[in-house]
Amino acid sequence: MLKIKRIYEPAEKNDGFRVLVDRLWPRGVSKERAELDLWAKDIAPSTALRKWFGHDLKRWKSFQDKYEKELWGNAGALKALRKLRRAHKNMTLLYGAKDTEHNEAVVLARIL
């Protein structure tokens, strides 16, 4: 099972392998509380793309397209994450954004 959740939500046993997919560390979350197995900052949107999007919903469709293009251009990181996905029964992609429907984890889960 592949899940998506905010890193601010408590870790649960059924989260399985927990992967933070943000380039920046989320504010107010200690490394202990995060209970991460992997911080995959190399799979996150580029700084330029993240700043351009700025969580502007009018840019959501374009953001998805641009991020997907970045992912395919970063085939090594995507392949490594897919390999981890196959190796773990449960995986949770973690993100820090407040918007639960319009963030990079949603796009990444679709690709995985």
PDB file of N, CA and C in Angstrom:
ATOM      1  N   MET A   1       0.831  -1.169   0.000  1.00  0.00           N
ATOM      2  CA  MET A   1       0.000   0.000   0.000  1.00  0.00           C
ATOM      3  C   MET A   1       0.883   1.242   0.000  1.00  0.00           C
ATOM      4  N   LEU A   2       0.521   2.218  -0.808  1.00  0.00           N
ATOM      5  CA  LEU A   2       1.226   3.498  -0.865  1.00  0.00           C
ATOM      6  C   LEU A   2       0.303   4.561  -0.289  1.00  0.00           C
ATOM      7  N   LYS A   3       0.790   5.239   0.760  1.00  0.00           N
ATOM      8  CA  LYS A   3      -0.003   6.279   1.406  1.00  0.00           C
ATOM      9  C   LYS A   3       0.703   7.621   1.264  1.00  0.00           C
ATOM     10  N   ILE A   4      -0.098   8.661   1.418  1.00  0.00           N
ATOM     11  CA  ILE A   4       0.415  10.030   1.429  1.00  0.00           C
ATOM     12  C   ILE A   4      -0.113  10.680   2.699  1.00  0.00           C
ATOM     13  N   LYS A   5       0.771  11.404   3.407  1.00  0.00           N
ATOM     14  CA  LYS A   5       0.294  12.134   4.580  1.00  0.00           C
ATOM     15  C   LYS A   5       1.245  13.252   4.949  1.00  0.00           C
ATOM     16  N   ARG A   6       0.702  14.208   5.688  1.00  0.00           N
ATOM     17  CA  ARG A   6       1.517  15.321   6.157  1.00  0.00           C
ATOM     18  C   ARG A   6       2.483  14.821   7.223  1.00  0.00           C
ATOM     19  N   ILE A   7       3.660  15.354   7.212  1.00  0.00           N
ATOM     20  CA  ILE A   7       4.660  14.945   8.201  1.00  0.00           C
ATOM     21  C   ILE A   7       4.254  15.392   9.599  1.00  0.00           C
ATOM     22  N   TYR A   8       3.334  16.325   9.709  1.00  0.00           N
ATOM     23  CA  TYR A   8       2.882  16.811  11.004  1.00  0.00           C
ATOM     24  C   TYR A   8       1.915  15.841  11.677  1.00  0.00           C
ATOM     25  N   GLU A   9       1.415  14.859  10.928  1.00  0.00           N
ATOM     26  CA  GLU A   9       0.552  13.831  11.509  1.00  0.00           C
ATOM     27  C   GLU A   9       1.446  12.805  12.215  1.00  0.00           C
ATOM     28  N   PRO A  10       0.967  12.208  13.295  1.00  0.00           N
ATOM     29  CA  PRO A  10       1.787  11.232  14.016  1.00  0.00           C
ATOM     30  C   PRO A  10       2.103  10.004  13.155  1.00  0.00           C
ATOM     31  N   ALA A  11       3.283   9.463  13.362  1.00  0.00           N
ATOM     32  CA  ALA A  11       3.655   8.215  12.685  1.00  0.00           C
ATOM     33  C   ALA A  11       2.779   7.088  13.205  1.00  0.00           C
ATOM     34  N   GLU A  12       2.437   6.175  12.308  1.00  0.00           N
ATOM     35  CA  GLU A  12       1.636   5.020  12.667  1.00  0.00           C
ATOM     36  C   GLU A  12       2.357   3.760  12.210  1.00  0.00           C
ATOM     37  N   LYS A  13       2.094   2.672  12.879  1.00  0.00           N
ATOM     38  CA  LYS A  13       2.759   1.415  12.559  1.00  0.00           C
ATOM     39  C   LYS A  13       2.516   1.001  11.100  1.00  0.00           C
ATOM     40  N   ASN A  14       1.296   1.225  10.599  1.00  0.00           N
ATOM     41  CA  ASN A  14       0.989   0.799   9.232  1.00  0.00           C
ATOM     42  C   ASN A  14       1.509   1.769   8.166  1.00  0.00           C
ATOM     43  N   ASP A  15       2.258   2.814   8.572  1.00  0.00           N
ATOM     44  CA  ASP A  15       2.893   3.698   7.593  1.00  0.00           C
ATOM     45  C   ASP A  15       3.951   2.936   6.800  1.00  0.00           C
ATOM     46  N   GLY A  16       4.541   1.960   7.413  1.00  0.00           N
ATOM     47  CA  GLY A  16       5.609   1.231   6.744  1.00  0.00           C
ATOM     48  C   GLY A  16       6.840   2.104   6.574  1.00  0.00           C
ATOM     49  N   PHE A  17       7.445   2.053   5.407  1.00  0.00           N
ATOM     50  CA  PHE A  17       8.658   2.798   5.083  1.00  0.00           C
ATOM     51  C   PHE A  17       8.272   4.254   4.853  1.00  0.00           C
ATOM     52  N   ARG A  18       8.789   5.150   5.702  1.00  0.00           N
ATOM     53  CA  ARG A  18       8.393   6.568   5.661  1.00  0.00           C
ATOM     54  C   ARG A  18       9.433   7.402   4.934  1.00  0.00           C
ATOM     55  N   VAL A  19       8.963   8.110   3.883  1.00  0.00           N
ATOM     56  CA  VAL A  19       9.854   8.894   3.026  1.00  0.00           C
ATOM     57  C   VAL A  19       9.379  10.346   2.970  1.00  0.00           C
ATOM     58  N   LEU A  20      10.233  11.259   3.395  1.00  0.00           N
ATOM     59  CA  LEU A  20       9.944  12.686   3.247  1.00  0.00           C
ATOM     60  C   LEU A  20      10.336  13.092   1.835  1.00  0.00           C
ATOM     61  N   VAL A  21       9.393  13.676   1.085  1.00  0.00           N
ATOM     62  CA  VAL A  21       9.645  14.024  -0.316  1.00  0.00           C
ATOM     63  C   VAL A  21       9.702  15.538  -0.525  1.00  0.00           C
ATOM     64  N   ASP A  22      10.045  16.285   0.512  1.00  0.00           N
ATOM     65  CA  ASP A  22      10.244  17.736   0.433  1.00  0.00           C
ATOM     66  C   ASP A  22      11.734  18.032   0.355  1.00  0.00           C
ATOM     67  N   ARG A  23      12.071  19.093  -0.349  1.00  0.00           N
ATOM     68  CA  ARG A  23      13.468  19.517  -0.434  1.00  0.00           C
ATOM     69  C   ARG A  23      13.916  20.214   0.857  1.00  0.00           C
ATOM     70  N   LEU A  24      12.969  20.896   1.519  1.00  0.00           N
ATOM     71  CA  LEU A  24      13.280  21.608   2.760  1.00  0.00           C
ATOM     72  C   LEU A  24      12.742  20.824   3.950  1.00  0.00           C
ATOM     73  N   TRP A  25      13.481  20.884   5.054  1.00  0.00           N
ATOM     74  CA  TRP A  25      13.005  20.221   6.265  1.00  0.00           C
ATOM     75  C   TRP A  25      11.811  20.995   6.806  1.00  0.00           C
ATOM     76  N   PRO A  26      10.719  20.310   7.188  1.00  0.00           N
ATOM     77  CA  PRO A  26       9.520  20.994   7.683  1.00  0.00           C
ATOM     78  C   PRO A  26       9.743  21.667   9.036  1.00  0.00           C
ATOM     79  N   ARG A  27       9.224  22.871   9.160  1.00  0.00           N
ATOM     80  CA  ARG A  27       9.379  23.645  10.402  1.00  0.00           C
ATOM     81  C   ARG A  27       8.705  22.955  11.579  1.00  0.00           C
ATOM     82  N   GLY A  28       9.399  23.003  12.696  1.00  0.00           N
ATOM     83  CA  GLY A  28       8.804  22.527  13.936  1.00  0.00           C
ATOM     84  C   GLY A  28       8.764  21.019  14.111  1.00  0.00           C
ATOM     85  N   VAL A  29       9.391  20.281  13.209  1.00  0.00           N
ATOM     86  CA  VAL A  29       9.388  18.817  13.312  1.00  0.00           C
ATOM     87  C   VAL A  29      10.812  18.354  13.614  1.00  0.00           C
ATOM     88  N   SER A  30      10.983  17.702  14.735  1.00  0.00           N
ATOM     89  CA  SER A  30      12.306  17.180  15.066  1.00  0.00           C
ATOM     90  C   SER A  30      12.561  15.903  14.264  1.00  0.00           C
ATOM     91  N   LYS A  31      13.800  15.587  14.089  1.00  0.00           N
ATOM     92  CA  LYS A  31      14.146  14.362  13.353  1.00  0.00           C
ATOM     93  C   LYS A  31      13.603  13.131  14.078  1.00  0.00           C
ATOM     94  N   GLU A  32      13.588  13.168  15.411  1.00  0.00           N
ATOM     95  CA  GLU A  32      13.058  12.037  16.175  1.00  0.00           C
ATOM     96  C   GLU A  32      11.549  11.887  15.941  1.00  0.00           C
ATOM     97  N   ARG A  33      10.828  13.005  16.006  1.00  0.00           N
ATOM     98  CA  ARG A  33       9.375  12.953  15.827  1.00  0.00           C
ATOM     99  C   ARG A  33       8.997  12.537  14.402  1.00  0.00           C
ATOM    100  N   ALA A  34       9.812  12.877  13.439  1.00  0.00           N
ATOM    101  CA  ALA A  34       9.513  12.557  12.042  1.00  0.00           C
ATOM    102  C   ALA A  34       9.520  11.050  11.790  1.00  0.00           C
ATOM    103  N   GLU A  35      10.353  10.336  12.530  1.00  0.00           N
ATOM    104  CA  GLU A  35      10.472   8.882  12.382  1.00  0.00           C
ATOM    105  C   GLU A  35      10.624   8.479  10.908  1.00  0.00           C
ATOM    106  N   LEU A  36      11.575   9.111  10.236  1.00  0.00           N
ATOM    107  CA  LEU A  36      11.812   8.852   8.814  1.00  0.00           C
ATOM    108  C   LEU A  36      12.699   7.646   8.582  1.00  0.00           C
ATOM    109  N   ASP A  37      12.457   6.997   7.477  1.00  0.00           N
ATOM    110  CA  ASP A  37      13.382   5.989   6.984  1.00  0.00           C
ATOM    111  C   ASP A  37      14.280   6.590   5.909  1.00  0.00           C
ATOM    112  N   LEU A  38      13.757   7.638   5.241  1.00  0.00           N
ATOM    113  CA  LEU A  38      14.514   8.261   4.157  1.00  0.00           C
ATOM    114  C   LEU A  38      14.025   9.686   3.943  1.00  0.00           C
ATOM    115  N   TRP A  39      14.978  10.590   3.737  1.00  0.00           N
ATOM    116  CA  TRP A  39      14.639  11.946   3.309  1.00  0.00           C
ATOM    117  C   TRP A  39      15.095  12.032   1.861  1.00  0.00           C
ATOM    118  N   ALA A  40      14.160  11.941   0.940  1.00  0.00           N
ATOM    119  CA  ALA A  40      14.462  11.897  -0.492  1.00  0.00           C
ATOM    120  C   ALA A  40      14.368  13.290  -1.096  1.00  0.00           C
ATOM    121  N   LYS A  41      15.242  14.194  -0.655  1.00  0.00           N
ATOM    122  CA  LYS A  41      15.171  15.563  -1.151  1.00  0.00           C
ATOM    123  C   LYS A  41      15.526  15.656  -2.627  1.00  0.00           C
ATOM    124  N   ASP A  42      16.259  14.678  -3.147  1.00  0.00           N
ATOM    125  CA  ASP A  42      16.613  14.697  -4.568  1.00  0.00           C
ATOM    126  C   ASP A  42      15.429  14.363  -5.477  1.00  0.00           C
ATOM    127  N   ILE A  43      14.343  13.848  -4.925  1.00  0.00           N
ATOM    128  CA  ILE A  43      13.149  13.520  -5.708  1.00  0.00           C
ATOM    129  C   ILE A  43      12.142  14.681  -5.650  1.00  0.00           C
ATOM    130  N   ALA A  44      12.368  15.631  -4.760  1.00  0.00           N
ATOM    131  CA  ALA A  44      11.458  16.767  -4.591  1.00  0.00           C
ATOM    132  C   ALA A  44      11.550  17.715  -5.781  1.00  0.00           C
ATOM    133  N   PRO A  45      10.524  18.546  -5.965  1.00  0.00           N
ATOM    134  CA  PRO A  45      10.595  19.550  -7.038  1.00  0.00           C
ATOM    135  C   PRO A  45      11.797  20.464  -6.830  1.00  0.00           C
ATOM    136  N   SER A  46      12.350  20.939  -7.922  1.00  0.00           N
ATOM    137  CA  SER A  46      13.476  21.865  -7.832  1.00  0.00           C
ATOM    138  C   SER A  46      13.051  23.117  -7.072  1.00  0.00           C
ATOM    139  N   THR A  47      14.023  23.816  -6.535  1.00  0.00           N
ATOM    140  CA  THR A  47      13.729  25.054  -5.815  1.00  0.00           C
ATOM    141  C   THR A  47      13.011  26.042  -6.721  1.00  0.00           C
ATOM    142  N   ALA A  48      13.452  26.158  -7.959  1.00  0.00           N
ATOM    143  CA  ALA A  48      12.817  27.087  -8.903  1.00  0.00           C
ATOM    144  C   ALA A  48      11.352  26.712  -9.141  1.00  0.00           C
ATOM    145  N   LEU A  49      11.067  25.430  -9.329  1.00  0.00           N
ATOM    146  CA  LEU A  49       9.695  24.993  -9.571  1.00  0.00           C
ATOM    147  C   LEU A  49       8.837  25.195  -8.318  1.00  0.00           C
ATOM    148  N   ARG A  50       9.376  24.864  -7.171  1.00  0.00           N
ATOM    149  CA  ARG A  50       8.641  25.033  -5.918  1.00  0.00           C
ATOM    150  C   ARG A  50       8.268  26.493  -5.701  1.00  0.00           C
ATOM    151  N   LYS A  51       9.220  27.384  -5.929  1.00  0.00           N
ATOM    152  CA  LYS A  51       8.951  28.810  -5.742  1.00  0.00           C
ATOM    153  C   LYS A  51       7.970  29.322  -6.795  1.00  0.00           C
ATOM    154  N   TRP A  52       8.102  28.859  -8.017  1.00  0.00           N
ATOM    155  CA  TRP A  52       7.185  29.280  -9.088  1.00  0.00           C
ATOM    156  C   TRP A  52       5.755  28.866  -8.756  1.00  0.00           C
ATOM    157  N   PHE A  53       5.568  27.634  -8.289  1.00  0.00           N
ATOM    158  CA  PHE A  53       4.231  27.136  -7.955  1.00  0.00           C
ATOM    159  C   PHE A  53       3.633  27.931  -6.796  1.00  0.00           C
ATOM    160  N   GLY A  54       4.378  28.043  -5.714  1.00  0.00           N
ATOM    161  CA  GLY A  54       3.927  28.821  -4.571  1.00  0.00           C
ATOM    162  C   GLY A  54       2.538  28.449  -4.058  1.00  0.00           C
ATOM    163  N   HIS A  55       2.120  27.219  -4.311  1.00  0.00           N
ATOM    164  CA  HIS A  55       0.804  26.702  -3.913  1.00  0.00           C
ATOM    165  C   HIS A  55      -0.346  27.539  -4.469  1.00  0.00           C
ATOM    166  N   ASP A  56      -0.102  28.119  -5.663  1.00  0.00           N
ATOM    167  CA  ASP A  56      -1.138  28.860  -6.390  1.00  0.00           C
ATOM    168  C   ASP A  56      -1.944  27.841  -7.195  1.00  0.00           C
ATOM    169  N   LEU A  57      -3.183  27.624  -6.814  1.00  0.00           N
ATOM    170  CA  LEU A  57      -3.994  26.579  -7.451  1.00  0.00           C
ATOM    171  C   LEU A  57      -4.198  26.812  -8.944  1.00  0.00           C
ATOM    172  N   LYS A  58      -4.068  28.053  -9.398  1.00  0.00           N
ATOM    173  CA  LYS A  58      -4.177  28.326 -10.839  1.00  0.00           C
ATOM    174  C   LYS A  58      -3.000  27.697 -11.596  1.00  0.00           C
ATOM    175  N   ARG A  59      -1.919  27.416 -10.885  1.00  0.00           N
ATOM    176  CA  ARG A  59      -0.727  26.828 -11.509  1.00  0.00           C
ATOM    177  C   ARG A  59      -0.630  25.320 -11.280  1.00  0.00           C
ATOM    178  N   TRP A  60      -1.604  24.715 -10.631  1.00  0.00           N
ATOM    179  CA  TRP A  60      -1.537  23.307 -10.253  1.00  0.00           C
ATOM    180  C   TRP A  60      -1.313  22.398 -11.449  1.00  0.00           C
ATOM    181  N   LYS A  61      -2.099  22.540 -12.502  1.00  0.00           N
ATOM    182  CA  LYS A  61      -1.968  21.666 -13.680  1.00  0.00           C
ATOM    183  C   LYS A  61      -0.569  21.804 -14.286  1.00  0.00           C
ATOM    184  N   SER A  62      -0.116  23.028 -14.446  1.00  0.00           N
ATOM    185  CA  SER A  62       1.226  23.248 -14.998  1.00  0.00           C
ATOM    186  C   SER A  62       2.300  22.708 -14.070  1.00  0.00           C
ATOM    187  N   PHE A  63       2.100  22.885 -12.759  1.00  0.00           N
ATOM    188  CA  PHE A  63       3.055  22.352 -11.791  1.00  0.00           C
ATOM    189  C   PHE A  63       3.180  20.840 -11.952  1.00  0.00           C
ATOM    190  N   GLN A  64       2.059  20.152 -12.062  1.00  0.00           N
ATOM    191  CA  GLN A  64       2.088  18.690 -12.221  1.00  0.00           C
ATOM    192  C   GLN A  64       2.899  18.301 -13.456  1.00  0.00           C
ATOM    193  N   ASP A  65       2.644  18.966 -14.562  1.00  0.00           N
ATOM    194  CA  ASP A  65       3.357  18.667 -15.806  1.00  0.00           C
ATOM    195  C   ASP A  65       4.853  18.931 -15.669  1.00  0.00           C
ATOM    196  N   LYS A  66       5.196  20.068 -15.098  1.00  0.00           N
ATOM    197  CA  LYS A  66       6.613  20.434 -14.947  1.00  0.00           C
ATOM    198  C   LYS A  66       7.326  19.503 -13.962  1.00  0.00           C
ATOM    199  N   TYR A  67       6.650  19.163 -12.876  1.00  0.00           N
ATOM    200  CA  TYR A  67       7.269  18.268 -11.900  1.00  0.00           C
ATOM    201  C   TYR A  67       7.440  16.875 -12.482  1.00  0.00           C
ATOM    202  N   GLU A  68       6.454  16.415 -13.207  1.00  0.00           N
ATOM    203  CA  GLU A  68       6.582  15.099 -13.839  1.00  0.00           C
ATOM    204  C   GLU A  68       7.769  15.092 -14.809  1.00  0.00           C
ATOM    205  N   LYS A  69       7.949  16.160 -15.537  1.00  0.00           N
ATOM    206  CA  LYS A  69       9.093  16.270 -16.451  1.00  0.00           C
ATOM    207  C   LYS A  69      10.404  16.232 -15.658  1.00  0.00           C
ATOM    208  N   GLU A  70      10.439  16.928 -14.522  1.00  0.00           N
ATOM    209  CA  GLU A  70      11.629  16.882 -13.667  1.00  0.00           C
ATOM    210  C   GLU A  70      11.883  15.463 -13.173  1.00  0.00           C
ATOM    211  N   LEU A  71      10.826  14.772 -12.778  1.00  0.00           N
ATOM    212  CA  LEU A  71      10.988  13.401 -12.284  1.00  0.00           C
ATOM    213  C   LEU A  71      11.591  12.499 -13.348  1.00  0.00           C
ATOM    214  N   TRP A  72      11.072  12.581 -14.569  1.00  0.00           N
ATOM    215  CA  TRP A  72      11.601  11.722 -15.637  1.00  0.00           C
ATOM    216  C   TRP A  72      13.028  12.125 -16.003  1.00  0.00           C
ATOM    217  N   GLY A  73      13.384  13.386 -15.776  1.00  0.00           N
ATOM    218  CA  GLY A  73      14.759  13.830 -16.001  1.00  0.00           C
ATOM    219  C   GLY A  73      15.696  13.405 -14.879  1.00  0.00           C
ATOM    220  N   ASN A  74      15.128  12.949 -13.786  1.00  0.00           N
ATOM    221  CA  ASN A  74      15.896  12.492 -12.623  1.00  0.00           C
ATOM    222  C   ASN A  74      15.653  10.987 -12.454  1.00  0.00           C
ATOM    223  N   ALA A  75      15.874  10.261 -13.526  1.00  0.00           N
ATOM    224  CA  ALA A  75      15.516   8.842 -13.583  1.00  0.00           C
ATOM    225  C   ALA A  75      16.192   8.010 -12.495  1.00  0.00           C
ATOM    226  N   GLY A  76      17.407   8.359 -12.118  1.00  0.00           N
ATOM    227  CA  GLY A  76      18.110   7.587 -11.092  1.00  0.00           C
ATOM    228  C   GLY A  76      17.397   7.630  -9.752  1.00  0.00           C
ATOM    229  N   ALA A  77      16.990   8.817  -9.335  1.00  0.00           N
ATOM    230  CA  ALA A  77      16.284   8.962  -8.057  1.00  0.00           C
ATOM    231  C   ALA A  77      14.913   8.293  -8.124  1.00  0.00           C
ATOM    232  N   LEU A  78      14.244   8.438  -9.248  1.00  0.00           N
ATOM    233  CA  LEU A  78      12.924   7.817  -9.407  1.00  0.00           C
ATOM    234  C   LEU A  78      13.044   6.295  -9.394  1.00  0.00           C
ATOM    235  N   LYS A  79      14.048   5.771 -10.067  1.00  0.00           N
ATOM    236  CA  LYS A  79      14.268   4.321 -10.095  1.00  0.00           C
ATOM    237  C   LYS A  79      14.567   3.795  -8.686  1.00  0.00           C
ATOM    238  N   ALA A  80      15.385   4.530  -7.940  1.00  0.00           N
ATOM    239  CA  ALA A  80      15.730   4.116  -6.574  1.00  0.00           C
ATOM    240  C   ALA A  80      14.496   4.092  -5.683  1.00  0.00           C
ATOM    241  N   LEU A  81      13.621   5.101  -5.825  1.00  0.00           N
ATOM    242  CA  LEU A  81      12.411   5.127  -5.014  1.00  0.00           C
ATOM    243  C   LEU A  81      11.447   4.020  -5.424  1.00  0.00           C
ATOM    244  N   ARG A  82      11.369   3.736  -6.697  1.00  0.00           N
ATOM    245  CA  ARG A  82      10.523   2.623  -7.157  1.00  0.00           C
ATOM    246  C   ARG A  82      11.025   1.290  -6.617  1.00  0.00           C
ATOM    247  N   LYS A  83      12.336   1.133  -6.564  1.00  0.00           N
ATOM    248  CA  LYS A  83      12.919  -0.099  -6.021  1.00  0.00           C
ATOM    249  C   LYS A  83      12.559  -0.249  -4.540  1.00  0.00           C
ATOM    250  N   LEU A  84      12.644   0.853  -3.792  1.00  0.00           N
ATOM    251  CA  LEU A  84      12.255   0.828  -2.383  1.00  0.00           C
ATOM    252  C   LEU A  84      10.765   0.532  -2.243  1.00  0.00           C
ATOM    253  N   ARG A  85       9.969   1.066  -3.137  1.00  0.00           N
ATOM    254  CA  ARG A  85       8.521   0.832  -3.117  1.00  0.00           C
ATOM    255  C   ARG A  85       8.216  -0.658  -3.266  1.00  0.00           C
ATOM    256  N   ARG A  86       8.929  -1.318  -4.161  1.00  0.00           N
ATOM    257  CA  ARG A  86       8.724  -2.759  -4.367  1.00  0.00           C
ATOM    258  C   ARG A  86       9.226  -3.572  -3.178  1.00  0.00           C
ATOM    259  N   ALA A  87      10.228  -3.059  -2.489  1.00  0.00           N
ATOM    260  CA  ALA A  87      10.842  -3.787  -1.378  1.00  0.00           C
ATOM    261  C   ALA A  87      10.027  -3.705  -0.088  1.00  0.00           C
ATOM    262  N   HIS A  88       9.105  -2.760  -0.006  1.00  0.00           N
ATOM    263  CA  HIS A  88       8.343  -2.562   1.230  1.00  0.00           C
ATOM    264  C   HIS A  88       6.852  -2.717   0.971  1.00  0.00           C
ATOM    265  N   LYS A  89       6.224  -3.524   1.804  1.00  0.00           N
ATOM    266  CA  LYS A  89       4.782  -3.760   1.671  1.00  0.00           C
ATOM    267  C   LYS A  89       4.010  -2.446   1.777  1.00  0.00           C
ATOM    268  N   ASN A  90       4.372  -1.633   2.745  1.00  0.00           N
ATOM    269  CA  ASN A  90       3.737  -0.327   2.944  1.00  0.00           C
ATOM    270  C   ASN A  90       4.783   0.768   2.833  1.00  0.00           C
ATOM    271  N   MET A  91       4.406   1.856   2.162  1.00  0.00           N
ATOM    272  CA  MET A  91       5.269   3.032   2.052  1.00  0.00           C
ATOM    273  C   MET A  91       4.384   4.260   2.205  1.00  0.00           C
ATOM    274  N   THR A  92       4.900   5.251   2.936  1.00  0.00           N
ATOM    275  CA  THR A  92       4.180   6.512   3.099  1.00  0.00           C
ATOM    276  C   THR A  92       5.062   7.648   2.618  1.00  0.00           C
ATOM    277  N   LEU A  93       4.519   8.434   1.686  1.00  0.00           N
ATOM    278  CA  LEU A  93       5.187   9.635   1.211  1.00  0.00           C
ATOM    279  C   LEU A  93       4.738  10.785   2.097  1.00  0.00           C
ATOM    280  N   LEU A  94       5.690  11.468   2.686  1.00  0.00           N
ATOM    281  CA  LEU A  94       5.411  12.552   3.629  1.00  0.00           C
ATOM    282  C   LEU A  94       5.754  13.900   3.008  1.00  0.00           C
ATOM    283  N   TYR A  95       4.931  14.890   3.296  1.00  0.00           N
ATOM    284  CA  TYR A  95       5.133  16.242   2.778  1.00  0.00           C
ATOM    285  C   TYR A  95       4.740  17.230   3.867  1.00  0.00           C
ATOM    286  N   GLY A  96       5.159  18.464   3.717  1.00  0.00           N
ATOM    287  CA  GLY A  96       4.874  19.462   4.738  1.00  0.00           C
ATOM    288  C   GLY A  96       3.763  20.438   4.388  1.00  0.00           C
ATOM    289  N   ALA A  97       3.357  20.519   3.145  1.00  0.00           N
ATOM    290  CA  ALA A  97       2.359  21.504   2.711  1.00  0.00           C
ATOM    291  C   ALA A  97       1.039  21.359   3.467  1.00  0.00           C
ATOM    292  N   LYS A  98       0.347  22.482   3.633  1.00  0.00           N
ATOM    293  CA  LYS A  98      -0.960  22.457   4.289  1.00  0.00           C
ATOM    294  C   LYS A  98      -2.026  21.861   3.378  1.00  0.00           C
ATOM    295  N   ASP A  99      -1.878  22.069   2.081  1.00  0.00           N
ATOM    296  CA  ASP A  99      -2.860  21.593   1.104  1.00  0.00           C
ATOM    297  C   ASP A  99      -2.646  20.099   0.866  1.00  0.00           C
ATOM    298  N   THR A 100      -3.629  19.307   1.248  1.00  0.00           N
ATOM    299  CA  THR A 100      -3.490  17.849   1.160  1.00  0.00           C
ATOM    300  C   THR A 100      -3.766  17.291  -0.236  1.00  0.00           C
ATOM    301  N   GLU A 101      -4.292  18.113  -1.125  1.00  0.00           N
ATOM    302  CA  GLU A 101      -4.637  17.639  -2.470  1.00  0.00           C
ATOM    303  C   GLU A 101      -3.736  18.177  -3.568  1.00  0.00           C
ATOM    304  N   HIS A 102      -3.000  19.238  -3.278  1.00  0.00           N
ATOM    305  CA  HIS A 102      -2.182  19.889  -4.298  1.00  0.00           C
ATOM    306  C   HIS A 102      -0.756  20.036  -3.794  1.00  0.00           C
ATOM    307  N   ASN A 103       0.004  18.940  -3.858  1.00  0.00           N
ATOM    308  CA  ASN A 103       1.396  18.952  -3.409  1.00  0.00           C
ATOM    309  C   ASN A 103       2.181  17.896  -4.182  1.00  0.00           C
ATOM    310  N   GLU A 104       3.477  17.932  -4.056  1.00  0.00           N
ATOM    311  CA  GLU A 104       4.333  17.039  -4.847  1.00  0.00           C
ATOM    312  C   GLU A 104       4.120  15.568  -4.534  1.00  0.00           C
ATOM    313  N   ALA A 105       3.737  15.237  -3.319  1.00  0.00           N
ATOM    314  CA  ALA A 105       3.520  13.823  -2.963  1.00  0.00           C
ATOM    315  C   ALA A 105       2.380  13.223  -3.775  1.00  0.00           C
ATOM    316  N   VAL A 106       1.359  14.021  -4.072  1.00  0.00           N
ATOM    317  CA  VAL A 106       0.234  13.545  -4.887  1.00  0.00           C
ATOM    318  C   VAL A 106       0.726  13.175  -6.285  1.00  0.00           C
ATOM    319  N   VAL A 107       1.544  14.035  -6.857  1.00  0.00           N
ATOM    320  CA  VAL A 107       2.081  13.779  -8.200  1.00  0.00           C
ATOM    321  C   VAL A 107       3.011  12.563  -8.166  1.00  0.00           C
ATOM    322  N   LEU A 108       3.884  12.514  -7.198  1.00  0.00           N
ATOM    323  CA  LEU A 108       4.835  11.415  -7.090  1.00  0.00           C
ATOM    324  C   LEU A 108       4.131  10.068  -6.892  1.00  0.00           C
ATOM    325  N   ALA A 109       3.105  10.044  -6.073  1.00  0.00           N
ATOM    326  CA  ALA A 109       2.356   8.785  -5.840  1.00  0.00           C
ATOM    327  C   ALA A 109       1.754   8.296  -7.143  1.00  0.00           C
ATOM    328  N   ARG A 110       1.239   9.196  -7.953  1.00  0.00           N
ATOM    329  CA  ARG A 110       0.656   8.809  -9.239  1.00  0.00           C
ATOM    330  C   ARG A 110       1.730   8.178 -10.142  1.00  0.00           C
ATOM    331  N   ILE A 111       2.916   8.725 -10.132  1.00  0.00           N
ATOM    332  CA  ILE A 111       4.011   8.204 -10.961  1.00  0.00           C
ATOM    333  C   ILE A 111       4.479   6.844 -10.448  1.00  0.00           C
ATOM    334  N   LEU A 112       4.553   6.704  -9.131  1.00  0.00           N
ATOM    335  CA  LEU A 112       5.016   5.437  -8.560  1.00  0.00           C
ATOM    336  C   LEU A 112       4.001   4.332  -8.792  1.00  0.00           C
TER     337      LEU A 112
END
